[in-house]
Amino acid sequence: GTERSARVRLDPPAGGEVRPVAMPAGTILEGLGVVEVTPALIQRLGLPVSARGIVVAEVAGPALMAQLRPGDIIDRVNGMPVETAADLAALVSAANGGLTIEFTRNGQKAVIGFR
């Protein structure tokens, strides 16, 4: 088949900024853009007040294969909490041989893993 690419994006909240996470080339999350969960974002998206993590705002390139979608809230990687884009980048960079991402989609907890 023919290789195709797509770009999917969630408009950032007012005053918020999509910050593409600088993933090392060749990682499954290369091309992912996120916004950090803030009180304003919690209110805008109707999230629980206790929500923590980062919201997927943009998915492009290799990150499309990760099956993450705009609006997903990533809260743990390899069992470690994720609260900032820097946390995500550091945990993905440190992963040796496998990556487990815990996230919430439409109020439901989910886990995806990669080797």
C-alpha atoms as a PDB file:
ATOM      1  CA  GLY A   1       0.000   0.000   0.000  1.00  0.00           C
ATOM      2  CA  THR A   2       0.776   3.637  -0.141  1.00  0.00           C
ATOM      3  CA  GLU A   3       2.113   5.315   2.982  1.00  0.00           C
ATOM      4  CA  ARG A   4      -0.122   8.136   4.167  1.00  0.00           C
ATOM      5  CA  SER A   5       0.141  10.675   6.912  1.00  0.00           C
ATOM      6  CA  ALA A   6      -2.411  12.805   8.676  1.00  0.00           C
ATOM      7  CA  ARG A   7      -2.454  15.565  11.240  1.00  0.00           C
ATOM      8  CA  VAL A   8      -5.159  15.745  13.903  1.00  0.00           C
ATOM      9  CA  ARG A   9      -5.421  18.699  16.260  1.00  0.00           C
ATOM     10  CA  LEU A  10      -7.475  19.848  19.264  1.00  0.00           C
ATOM     11  CA  ASP A  11      -7.717  23.631  19.442  1.00  0.00           C
ATOM     12  CA  PRO A  12      -5.859  24.767  22.554  1.00  0.00           C
ATOM     13  CA  PRO A  13      -7.741  26.519  25.329  1.00  0.00           C
ATOM     14  CA  ALA A  14      -7.781  30.310  25.383  1.00  0.00           C
ATOM     15  CA  GLY A  15      -4.437  31.378  26.777  1.00  0.00           C
ATOM     16  CA  GLY A  16      -3.130  27.833  26.324  1.00  0.00           C
ATOM     17  CA  GLU A  17      -0.475  26.797  23.914  1.00  0.00           C
ATOM     18  CA  VAL A  18       0.111  23.530  22.096  1.00  0.00           C
ATOM     19  CA  ARG A  19       3.627  22.513  22.944  1.00  0.00           C
ATOM     20  CA  PRO A  20       4.944  19.784  20.687  1.00  0.00           C
ATOM     21  CA  VAL A  21       6.824  17.318  22.849  1.00  0.00           C
ATOM     22  CA  ALA A  22      10.371  16.886  21.620  1.00  0.00           C
ATOM     23  CA  MET A  23      10.550  13.099  21.355  1.00  0.00           C
ATOM     24  CA  PRO A  24      13.676  11.415  20.070  1.00  0.00           C
ATOM     25  CA  ALA A  25      13.463  10.532  16.373  1.00  0.00           C
ATOM     26  CA  GLY A  26      11.990   7.112  15.821  1.00  0.00           C
ATOM     27  CA  THR A  27       9.928   6.914  19.020  1.00  0.00           C
ATOM     28  CA  ILE A  28       6.234   6.047  18.830  1.00  0.00           C
ATOM     29  CA  LEU A  29       5.328   9.484  20.266  1.00  0.00           C
ATOM     30  CA  GLU A  30       7.287  11.583  17.768  1.00  0.00           C
ATOM     31  CA  GLY A  31       4.813  14.176  16.426  1.00  0.00           C
ATOM     32  CA  LEU A  32       2.695  14.410  19.579  1.00  0.00           C
ATOM     33  CA  GLY A  33       1.600  17.859  20.812  1.00  0.00           C
ATOM     34  CA  VAL A  34       0.158  18.317  24.291  1.00  0.00           C
ATOM     35  CA  VAL A  35      -1.229  20.939  26.656  1.00  0.00           C
ATOM     36  CA  GLU A  36      -0.852  20.682  30.392  1.00  0.00           C
ATOM     37  CA  VAL A  37      -3.982  20.243  32.498  1.00  0.00           C
ATOM     38  CA  THR A  38      -4.810  23.573  34.141  1.00  0.00           C
ATOM     39  CA  PRO A  39      -7.871  24.746  36.099  1.00  0.00           C
ATOM     40  CA  ALA A  40      -9.089  26.606  32.981  1.00  0.00           C
ATOM     41  CA  LEU A  41      -8.734  23.479  30.846  1.00  0.00           C
ATOM     42  CA  ILE A  42     -10.500  21.375  33.487  1.00  0.00           C
ATOM     43  CA  GLN A  43     -13.437  23.768  33.343  1.00  0.00           C
ATOM     44  CA  ARG A  44     -13.461  24.036  29.530  1.00  0.00           C
ATOM     45  CA  LEU A  45     -13.399  20.266  28.978  1.00  0.00           C
ATOM     46  CA  GLY A  46     -15.619  19.414  31.955  1.00  0.00           C
ATOM     47  CA  LEU A  47     -12.935  17.280  33.586  1.00  0.00           C
ATOM     48  CA  PRO A  48     -12.989  16.223  37.232  1.00  0.00           C
ATOM     49  CA  VAL A  49     -11.336  18.832  39.469  1.00  0.00           C
ATOM     50  CA  SER A  50      -8.804  16.166  40.455  1.00  0.00           C
ATOM     51  CA  ALA A  51      -7.650  15.662  36.828  1.00  0.00           C
ATOM     52  CA  ARG A  52      -3.879  15.537  36.432  1.00  0.00           C
ATOM     53  CA  GLY A  53      -1.678  14.903  33.444  1.00  0.00           C
ATOM     54  CA  ILE A  54      -1.394  16.296  29.956  1.00  0.00           C
ATOM     55  CA  VAL A  55      -4.024  16.504  27.235  1.00  0.00           C
ATOM     56  CA  VAL A  56      -3.208  15.292  23.743  1.00  0.00           C
ATOM     57  CA  ALA A  57      -3.824  18.273  21.474  1.00  0.00           C
ATOM     58  CA  GLU A  58      -2.109  17.260  18.245  1.00  0.00           C
ATOM     59  CA  VAL A  59      -1.188  13.925  16.687  1.00  0.00           C
ATOM     60  CA  ALA A  60       1.008  13.704  13.591  1.00  0.00           C
ATOM     61  CA  GLY A  61       3.686  11.490  12.074  1.00  0.00           C
ATOM     62  CA  PRO A  62       4.726   8.359  13.973  1.00  0.00           C
ATOM     63  CA  ALA A  63       2.509   9.329  16.938  1.00  0.00           C
ATOM     64  CA  LEU A  64      -0.524   8.420  14.789  1.00  0.00           C
ATOM     65  CA  MET A  65       0.415   4.753  15.253  1.00  0.00           C
ATOM     66  CA  ALA A  66       0.263   5.146  19.043  1.00  0.00           C
ATOM     67  CA  GLN A  67      -3.545   5.282  18.783  1.00  0.00           C
ATOM     68  CA  LEU A  68      -3.702   8.350  21.021  1.00  0.00           C
ATOM     69  CA  ARG A  69      -6.325  10.917  20.030  1.00  0.00           C
ATOM     70  CA  PRO A  70      -6.837  14.621  20.695  1.00  0.00           C
ATOM     71  CA  GLY A  71      -8.581  14.950  24.050  1.00  0.00           C
ATOM     72  CA  ASP A  72      -6.901  11.897  25.627  1.00  0.00           C
ATOM     73  CA  ILE A  73      -5.396  12.693  29.025  1.00  0.00           C
ATOM     74  CA  ILE A  74      -2.052  10.973  29.631  1.00  0.00           C
ATOM     75  CA  ASP A  75      -1.430  10.596  33.358  1.00  0.00           C
ATOM     76  CA  ARG A  76       1.225   7.867  33.666  1.00  0.00           C
ATOM     77  CA  VAL A  77       4.053   6.436  31.569  1.00  0.00           C
ATOM     78  CA  ASN A  78       5.690   3.208  32.712  1.00  0.00           C
ATOM     79  CA  GLY A  79       3.946   3.650  36.065  1.00  0.00           C
ATOM     80  CA  MET A  80       5.353   7.119  36.667  1.00  0.00           C
ATOM     81  CA  PRO A  81       3.109  10.219  36.895  1.00  0.00           C
ATOM     82  CA  VAL A  82       3.062  12.697  34.008  1.00  0.00           C
ATOM     83  CA  GLU A  83       2.079  16.296  34.739  1.00  0.00           C
ATOM     84  CA  THR A  84       4.110  18.254  32.188  1.00  0.00           C
ATOM     85  CA  ALA A  85       5.329  17.918  28.617  1.00  0.00           C
ATOM     86  CA  ALA A  86       8.854  17.697  30.054  1.00  0.00           C
ATOM     87  CA  ASP A  87       7.796  14.714  32.216  1.00  0.00           C
ATOM     88  CA  LEU A  88       6.484  12.914  29.129  1.00  0.00           C
ATOM     89  CA  ALA A  89       9.628  13.603  27.101  1.00  0.00           C
ATOM     90  CA  ALA A  90      11.913  12.434  29.932  1.00  0.00           C
ATOM     91  CA  LEU A  91       9.962   9.222  30.583  1.00  0.00           C
ATOM     92  CA  VAL A  92       9.771   8.296  26.907  1.00  0.00           C
ATOM     93  CA  SER A  93      13.484   9.012  26.456  1.00  0.00           C
ATOM     94  CA  ALA A  94      14.341   6.857  29.482  1.00  0.00           C
ATOM     95  CA  ALA A  95      12.189   3.908  28.376  1.00  0.00           C
ATOM     96  CA  ASN A  96      14.336   0.936  27.451  1.00  0.00           C
ATOM     97  CA  GLY A  97      12.597  -1.730  25.431  1.00  0.00           C
ATOM     98  CA  GLY A  98       9.005  -0.907  26.333  1.00  0.00           C
ATOM     99  CA  LEU A  99       6.517   1.848  26.950  1.00  0.00           C
ATOM    100  CA  THR A 100       3.207   1.674  28.804  1.00  0.00           C
ATOM    101  CA  ILE A 101       0.934   4.712  28.610  1.00  0.00           C
ATOM    102  CA  GLU A 102      -2.022   5.107  30.984  1.00  0.00           C
ATOM    103  CA  PHE A 103      -4.607   7.613  29.833  1.00  0.00           C
ATOM    104  CA  THR A 104      -8.255   8.610  30.049  1.00  0.00           C
ATOM    105  CA  ARG A 105     -10.466   8.813  26.964  1.00  0.00           C
ATOM    106  CA  ASN A 106     -14.071  10.008  27.298  1.00  0.00           C
ATOM    107  CA  GLY A 107     -13.980   9.375  31.051  1.00  0.00           C
ATOM    108  CA  GLN A 108     -12.697   5.790  30.681  1.00  0.00           C
ATOM    109  CA  LYS A 109      -9.248   4.677  31.830  1.00  0.00           C
ATOM    110  CA  ALA A 110      -7.161   2.894  29.199  1.00  0.00           C
ATOM    111  CA  VAL A 111      -3.667   1.492  28.832  1.00  0.00           C
ATOM    112  CA  ILE A 112      -1.600   0.952  25.704  1.00  0.00           C
ATOM    113  CA  GLY A 113       1.798  -0.670  25.533  1.00  0.00           C
ATOM    114  CA  PHE A 114       4.623  -0.768  23.027  1.00  0.00           C
ATOM    115  CA  ARG A 115       7.819  -2.801  22.721  1.00  0.00           C
END
